[in-house]
């Protein structure tokens, strides 16, 4: 991961689970305001949506800087396309974890 846990493996004991139509950027920002020690996750994003739509619909993967640490959750059935989607999330959106 890109974020430092301060040497403690359990620095984020609470994770906000990815919930469809709930864990959007606004909800995650609210969770972050409640606690700095929450590990945030995105909703599941389909591999093909990332590969084929991320440039036309950047809001699909956008997040605020205050949401770190944040993990993007990808879904799909093709290891090659999942790898490509992970590369995009890492290189272009700089998620802390994929």
C-alpha atoms as a PDB file:
ATOM      1  CA  UNK A   1       0.000   0.000   0.000  1.00  0.00           C
ATOM      2  CA  UNK A   2       1.002   3.627  -0.428  1.00  0.00           C
ATOM      3  CA  UNK A   3      -0.205   4.798   2.958  1.00  0.00           C
ATOM      4  CA  UNK A   4       1.820   4.457   6.098  1.00  0.00           C
ATOM      5  CA  UNK A   5       0.256   2.679   9.030  1.00  0.00           C
ATOM      6  CA  UNK A   6       2.757   4.107  11.472  1.00  0.00           C
ATOM      7  CA  UNK A   7       4.218   0.656  11.991  1.00  0.00           C
ATOM      8  CA  UNK A   8       0.972  -0.703  13.399  1.00  0.00           C
ATOM      9  CA  UNK A   9      -0.715  -3.437  11.393  1.00  0.00           C
ATOM     10  CA  UNK A  10      -4.113  -2.593  12.895  1.00  0.00           C
ATOM     11  CA  UNK A  11      -4.079   1.168  12.360  1.00  0.00           C
ATOM     12  CA  UNK A  12      -7.420   1.013  10.549  1.00  0.00           C
ATOM     13  CA  UNK A  13      -9.549  -1.339  12.600  1.00  0.00           C
ATOM     14  CA  UNK A  14     -12.755  -0.128  11.024  1.00  0.00           C
ATOM     15  CA  UNK A  15     -13.406  -0.590   7.315  1.00  0.00           C
ATOM     16  CA  UNK A  16     -16.370   0.914   5.532  1.00  0.00           C
ATOM     17  CA  UNK A  17     -17.565  -1.934   3.368  1.00  0.00           C
ATOM     18  CA  UNK A  18     -18.303  -1.256  -0.288  1.00  0.00           C
ATOM     19  CA  UNK A  19     -22.071  -0.897  -0.637  1.00  0.00           C
ATOM     20  CA  UNK A  20     -23.779  -0.456  -3.994  1.00  0.00           C
ATOM     21  CA  UNK A  21     -25.386   2.975  -4.387  1.00  0.00           C
ATOM     22  CA  UNK A  22     -24.105   4.001  -0.958  1.00  0.00           C
ATOM     23  CA  UNK A  23     -20.327   4.300  -0.679  1.00  0.00           C
ATOM     24  CA  UNK A  24     -19.928   7.117  -3.163  1.00  0.00           C
ATOM     25  CA  UNK A  25     -17.440   9.910  -2.607  1.00  0.00           C
ATOM     26  CA  UNK A  26     -19.886  11.970  -0.521  1.00  0.00           C
ATOM     27  CA  UNK A  27     -20.567   9.092   1.879  1.00  0.00           C
ATOM     28  CA  UNK A  28     -16.848   8.304   2.151  1.00  0.00           C
ATOM     29  CA  UNK A  29     -16.053  11.950   2.927  1.00  0.00           C
ATOM     30  CA  UNK A  30     -18.654  11.878   5.699  1.00  0.00           C
ATOM     31  CA  UNK A  31     -17.061   8.710   7.105  1.00  0.00           C
ATOM     32  CA  UNK A  32     -13.653  10.362   6.972  1.00  0.00           C
ATOM     33  CA  UNK A  33     -14.973  13.373   8.889  1.00  0.00           C
ATOM     34  CA  UNK A  34     -16.181  10.998  11.599  1.00  0.00           C
ATOM     35  CA  UNK A  35     -12.828   9.254  11.936  1.00  0.00           C
ATOM     36  CA  UNK A  36      -9.361   9.442  10.442  1.00  0.00           C
ATOM     37  CA  UNK A  37      -8.887   5.752  11.344  1.00  0.00           C
ATOM     38  CA  UNK A  38     -11.450   4.341   8.927  1.00  0.00           C
ATOM     39  CA  UNK A  39     -10.317   2.403   5.880  1.00  0.00           C
ATOM     40  CA  UNK A  40     -12.528   3.450   2.967  1.00  0.00           C
ATOM     41  CA  UNK A  41     -13.541   1.304  -0.011  1.00  0.00           C
ATOM     42  CA  UNK A  42     -15.260   2.211  -3.257  1.00  0.00           C
ATOM     43  CA  UNK A  43     -18.296   0.476  -4.604  1.00  0.00           C
ATOM     44  CA  UNK A  44     -17.408  -2.464  -6.834  1.00  0.00           C
ATOM     45  CA  UNK A  45     -16.466  -1.189 -10.274  1.00  0.00           C
ATOM     46  CA  UNK A  46     -16.606  -3.516 -13.254  1.00  0.00           C
ATOM     47  CA  UNK A  47     -13.321  -4.131 -15.051  1.00  0.00           C
ATOM     48  CA  UNK A  48     -14.779  -3.114 -18.430  1.00  0.00           C
ATOM     49  CA  UNK A  49     -16.249   0.111 -17.042  1.00  0.00           C
ATOM     50  CA  UNK A  50     -12.773   1.093 -15.901  1.00  0.00           C
ATOM     51  CA  UNK A  51     -11.068   0.100 -19.150  1.00  0.00           C
ATOM     52  CA  UNK A  52     -13.573   1.560 -21.596  1.00  0.00           C
ATOM     53  CA  UNK A  53     -15.212   4.457 -19.725  1.00  0.00           C
ATOM     54  CA  UNK A  54     -12.709   5.965 -17.302  1.00  0.00           C
ATOM     55  CA  UNK A  55     -11.721   8.789 -19.677  1.00  0.00           C
ATOM     56  CA  UNK A  56     -15.292   9.725 -20.669  1.00  0.00           C
ATOM     57  CA  UNK A  57     -16.683   9.298 -17.134  1.00  0.00           C
ATOM     58  CA  UNK A  58     -13.921  10.236 -14.687  1.00  0.00           C
ATOM     59  CA  UNK A  59     -16.491  10.544 -11.876  1.00  0.00           C
ATOM     60  CA  UNK A  60     -16.657   6.745 -11.972  1.00  0.00           C
ATOM     61  CA  UNK A  61     -13.314   6.561 -10.136  1.00  0.00           C
ATOM     62  CA  UNK A  62     -12.786  10.038  -8.688  1.00  0.00           C
ATOM     63  CA  UNK A  63     -12.341  10.645  -5.000  1.00  0.00           C
ATOM     64  CA  UNK A  64     -11.286  13.496  -2.762  1.00  0.00           C
ATOM     65  CA  UNK A  65      -7.772  13.779  -1.352  1.00  0.00           C
ATOM     66  CA  UNK A  66      -9.193  13.573   2.189  1.00  0.00           C
ATOM     67  CA  UNK A  67     -10.488  10.055   1.490  1.00  0.00           C
ATOM     68  CA  UNK A  68      -7.028   8.447   1.781  1.00  0.00           C
ATOM     69  CA  UNK A  69      -6.414   5.663   2.579  1.00  0.00           C
ATOM     70  CA  UNK A  70      -8.869   4.345   0.002  1.00  0.00           C
ATOM     71  CA  UNK A  71      -9.194   1.018  -1.764  1.00  0.00           C
ATOM     72  CA  UNK A  72     -10.875   0.495  -5.127  1.00  0.00           C
ATOM     73  CA  UNK A  73     -12.751  -2.784  -5.494  1.00  0.00           C
ATOM     74  CA  UNK A  74     -12.797  -4.253  -8.993  1.00  0.00           C
ATOM     75  CA  UNK A  75     -15.092  -6.948 -10.308  1.00  0.00           C
ATOM     76  CA  UNK A  76     -14.830  -9.089 -13.391  1.00  0.00           C
ATOM     77  CA  UNK A  77     -14.052 -12.521 -14.749  1.00  0.00           C
ATOM     78  CA  UNK A  78     -11.074 -11.939 -17.019  1.00  0.00           C
ATOM     79  CA  UNK A  79      -7.680 -11.930 -15.275  1.00  0.00           C
ATOM     80  CA  UNK A  80      -6.186  -9.935 -18.153  1.00  0.00           C
ATOM     81  CA  UNK A  81      -8.881  -7.239 -18.089  1.00  0.00           C
ATOM     82  CA  UNK A  82      -8.820  -7.108 -14.287  1.00  0.00           C
ATOM     83  CA  UNK A  83      -5.055  -6.552 -14.460  1.00  0.00           C
ATOM     84  CA  UNK A  84      -5.539  -3.759 -17.011  1.00  0.00           C
ATOM     85  CA  UNK A  85      -8.241  -2.131 -14.867  1.00  0.00           C
ATOM     86  CA  UNK A  86      -5.950  -2.370 -11.827  1.00  0.00           C
ATOM     87  CA  UNK A  87      -3.154  -0.692 -13.782  1.00  0.00           C
ATOM     88  CA  UNK A  88      -5.481   2.179 -14.715  1.00  0.00           C
ATOM     89  CA  UNK A  89      -6.648   2.611 -11.105  1.00  0.00           C
ATOM     90  CA  UNK A  90      -3.061   2.639  -9.912  1.00  0.00           C
ATOM     91  CA  UNK A  91      -1.411   4.752 -12.598  1.00  0.00           C
ATOM     92  CA  UNK A  92      -4.154   7.274 -13.358  1.00  0.00           C
ATOM     93  CA  UNK A  93      -6.139   7.504 -10.118  1.00  0.00           C
ATOM     94  CA  UNK A  94      -3.491   6.609  -7.514  1.00  0.00           C
ATOM     95  CA  UNK A  95      -5.645   4.467  -5.268  1.00  0.00           C
ATOM     96  CA  UNK A  96      -3.844   3.231  -2.173  1.00  0.00           C
ATOM     97  CA  UNK A  97      -4.931  -0.344  -2.752  1.00  0.00           C
ATOM     98  CA  UNK A  98      -6.635  -2.272  -5.519  1.00  0.00           C
END
